[in-house]
Amino acid sequence: MSKKALRFLADESMEYSLILHLRKQGYDTTSISEESASARDEDILAKAYLEDRVILTNDKDYGDLVFLNNLPHKGVVLFRLKSEKVQDKIKACDALFRDYMDKLKGNFTVVEEGRVRVRS
């Protein structure tokens, strides 16, 4: 899948330097911090759905919205890394996009150190 095939929406928990990195790499990435700071998770999920974007987040609450509340989504990537360093998150994101890009759309993906889980 090409870089232009997927579009991303980074929620407020995502570091701005990661967003800038993704944009520099050619990924269509918008940021809630830039557009709608303090938006509710439900509203962010709805916005991403309407705009056909996969959400990038550190917020576990999206799991409840998707699996317990059955809210529609175009995909969620949840980063659960032990390291708080943005460089580690950038490396994890680059590896994820390299190896799993074709699995992100419509799925709930959890990224951990050395492991990626994808659920439909």
Foldseek 3Di string as FASTA:
>chain_A
DDLAVAAAEEEPQADVVLVVVSVVVPHHYHYCVVPPPPDDPLVVQVVCAVVLHEYEYQDPVVVCCCPVVVDFHQFYEHEDEPDPDVVVVSVQVVVCCVPPVVQGTRWYWYGYVPDIDTGD
